[in-house]
């Protein structure tokens, strides 16, 4: 069991988790003030998402996955794929929030935290396997 955990905790995985937490923090630092200003939770979630995705792209590209590509074509492809993957996870998160808040009448603030766990995992899979994959 310890060996399996050790294999999972690579420097890349650890840095992704650290920057995933920081990205989530950026998301919350935008989301909560938006909600405090009575912005609907769906709109607040989208606004927070934009800020978090911009932060996540920069940190994922250059720090976590150490993608050194700077050519316009590759960078454009990475940005499009990253945004597309994040749009998919945003749709999943928003659907989860709508279901848990509107249907189950749970707290949007708590459910956003629960959704963050799944979003971080989903985004790691997309980034690792499709967006910043190492060329062999």
Protein backbone atom coordinates (compact mmCIF):
# COMPACT_ATOMS: atom_id res chain seq x y z
CA UNK A 1 0.00 0.00 0.00
CA UNK A 2 2.80 2.45 0.88
CA UNK A 3 4.49 1.69 -2.43
CA UNK A 4 1.31 2.47 -4.38
CA UNK A 5 0.93 5.77 -2.54
CA UNK A 6 4.61 6.58 -3.15
CA UNK A 7 4.13 5.96 -6.90
CA UNK A 8 1.15 8.32 -6.94
CA UNK A 9 2.94 11.09 -5.05
CA UNK A 10 5.36 12.16 -7.75
CA UNK A 11 6.70 15.74 -7.75
CA UNK A 12 4.28 16.47 -10.61
CA UNK A 13 1.29 15.14 -8.69
CA UNK A 14 2.25 17.00 -5.53
CA UNK A 15 2.77 20.28 -7.40
CA UNK A 16 -0.56 19.75 -9.22
CA UNK A 17 -2.29 19.31 -5.87
CA UNK A 18 -0.60 22.41 -4.44
CA UNK A 19 -1.56 24.52 -7.45
CA UNK A 20 -4.98 22.86 -7.54
CA UNK A 21 -5.53 24.08 -4.00
CA UNK A 22 -4.28 27.55 -4.97
CA UNK A 23 -6.54 27.55 -8.04
CA UNK A 24 -9.47 26.58 -5.83
CA UNK A 25 -8.48 29.41 -3.50
CA UNK A 26 -8.51 31.87 -6.43
CA UNK A 27 -11.92 30.48 -7.38
CA UNK A 28 -13.28 31.01 -3.87
CA UNK A 29 -11.65 34.44 -3.48
CA UNK A 30 -13.69 35.55 -6.48
CA UNK A 31 -16.84 33.47 -5.84
CA UNK A 32 -17.57 34.54 -2.26
CA UNK A 33 -17.37 38.31 -2.87
CA UNK A 34 -19.61 37.86 -5.91
CA UNK A 35 -22.15 36.04 -3.74
CA UNK A 36 -21.74 38.67 -1.01
CA UNK A 37 -22.74 41.23 -3.66
CA UNK A 38 -25.90 39.16 -4.34
CA UNK A 39 -24.76 37.83 -7.69
CA UNK A 40 -26.68 34.62 -8.52
CA UNK A 41 -24.58 31.55 -7.67
CA UNK A 42 -24.51 30.35 -11.29
CA UNK A 43 -23.11 33.65 -12.57
CA UNK A 44 -20.73 33.94 -9.61
CA UNK A 45 -19.46 30.44 -10.42
CA UNK A 46 -18.72 31.40 -14.05
CA UNK A 47 -16.94 34.64 -13.07
CA UNK A 48 -14.84 32.76 -10.51
CA UNK A 49 -14.12 30.08 -13.10
CA UNK A 50 -12.62 32.59 -15.55
CA UNK A 51 -10.13 33.85 -12.98
CA UNK A 52 -9.28 30.37 -11.75
CA UNK A 53 -8.72 29.00 -15.27
CA UNK A 54 -6.35 31.81 -16.19
CA UNK A 55 -4.32 31.15 -13.03
CA UNK A 56 -4.44 27.38 -13.54
CA UNK A 57 -3.29 27.52 -17.16
CA UNK A 58 -0.16 29.49 -16.33
CA UNK A 59 0.78 27.38 -13.32
CA UNK A 60 -0.08 24.06 -14.97
CA UNK A 61 1.78 24.81 -18.18
CA UNK A 62 5.02 26.16 -16.80
CA UNK A 63 5.30 24.80 -13.26
CA UNK A 64 3.33 21.55 -12.93
CA UNK A 65 3.68 19.91 -16.34
CA UNK A 66 6.73 21.98 -17.37
CA UNK A 67 5.55 22.44 -20.93
CA UNK A 68 8.34 24.39 -22.58
CA UNK A 69 6.51 24.88 -25.87
CA UNK A 70 6.19 28.53 -26.76
CA UNK A 71 5.34 28.34 -30.45
CA UNK A 72 2.15 30.17 -31.33
CA UNK A 73 0.51 27.09 -32.82
CA UNK A 74 1.26 24.82 -29.84
CA UNK A 75 0.37 27.50 -27.32
CA UNK A 76 -2.92 28.17 -29.10
CA UNK A 77 -3.71 24.43 -29.11
CA UNK A 78 -2.89 24.14 -25.40
CA UNK A 79 -5.06 27.15 -24.53
CA UNK A 80 -7.99 25.82 -26.56
CA UNK A 81 -7.73 22.32 -25.13
CA UNK A 82 -7.25 23.64 -21.59
CA UNK A 83 -10.25 25.96 -21.87
CA UNK A 84 -12.33 23.18 -23.45
CA UNK A 85 -11.48 20.73 -20.69
CA UNK A 86 -12.18 23.36 -18.06
CA UNK A 87 -15.49 24.22 -19.71
CA UNK A 88 -16.44 20.56 -19.45
CA UNK A 89 -15.52 20.45 -15.75
CA UNK A 90 -17.37 23.76 -15.25
CA UNK A 91 -20.48 22.20 -16.80
CA UNK A 92 -20.11 19.21 -14.47
CA UNK A 93 -19.62 21.48 -11.45
CA UNK A 94 -22.55 23.71 -12.40
CA UNK A 95 -24.80 20.71 -12.98
CA UNK A 96 -23.78 19.34 -9.59
CA UNK A 97 -24.51 22.71 -7.96
CA UNK A 98 -27.90 23.03 -9.64
CA UNK A 99 -28.86 19.52 -8.56
CA UNK A 100 -27.62 19.80 -4.98
CA UNK A 101 -28.77 23.39 -4.40
CA UNK A 102 -32.03 23.53 -6.33
CA UNK A 103 -33.24 19.94 -6.03
CA UNK A 104 -31.72 18.80 -2.74
CA UNK A 105 -31.81 22.26 -1.06
CA UNK A 106 -28.24 22.03 0.21
CA UNK A 107 -25.87 24.93 0.82
CA UNK A 108 -24.23 26.22 -2.35
CA UNK A 109 -21.13 27.16 -0.37
CA UNK A 110 -20.69 23.62 0.99
CA UNK A 111 -21.60 21.90 -2.28
CA UNK A 112 -19.08 24.04 -4.18
CA UNK A 113 -16.40 22.68 -1.86
CA UNK A 114 -17.55 19.09 -2.46
CA UNK A 115 -17.58 19.67 -6.22
CA UNK A 116 -14.03 21.05 -6.09
CA UNK A 117 -12.65 17.62 -5.15
CA UNK A 118 -14.10 16.03 -8.27
CA UNK A 119 -13.15 18.96 -10.49
CA UNK A 120 -9.49 18.81 -9.40
CA UNK A 121 -9.30 15.10 -10.24
CA UNK A 122 -11.05 15.52 -13.59
CA UNK A 123 -8.84 18.48 -14.56
CA UNK A 124 -5.67 16.58 -13.67
CA UNK A 125 -6.66 13.71 -15.94
CA UNK A 126 -7.35 16.07 -18.85
CA UNK A 127 -4.14 18.04 -18.34
CA UNK A 128 -1.90 15.02 -17.85
CA UNK A 129 -3.27 12.81 -20.61
CA UNK A 130 -4.37 15.26 -23.30
CA UNK A 131 -3.22 18.84 -22.92
CA UNK A 132 0.35 18.89 -21.57
CA UNK A 133 1.28 15.32 -22.39
CA UNK A 134 4.96 14.67 -22.86
CA UNK A 135 5.91 13.86 -26.42
CA UNK A 136 7.59 10.46 -26.64
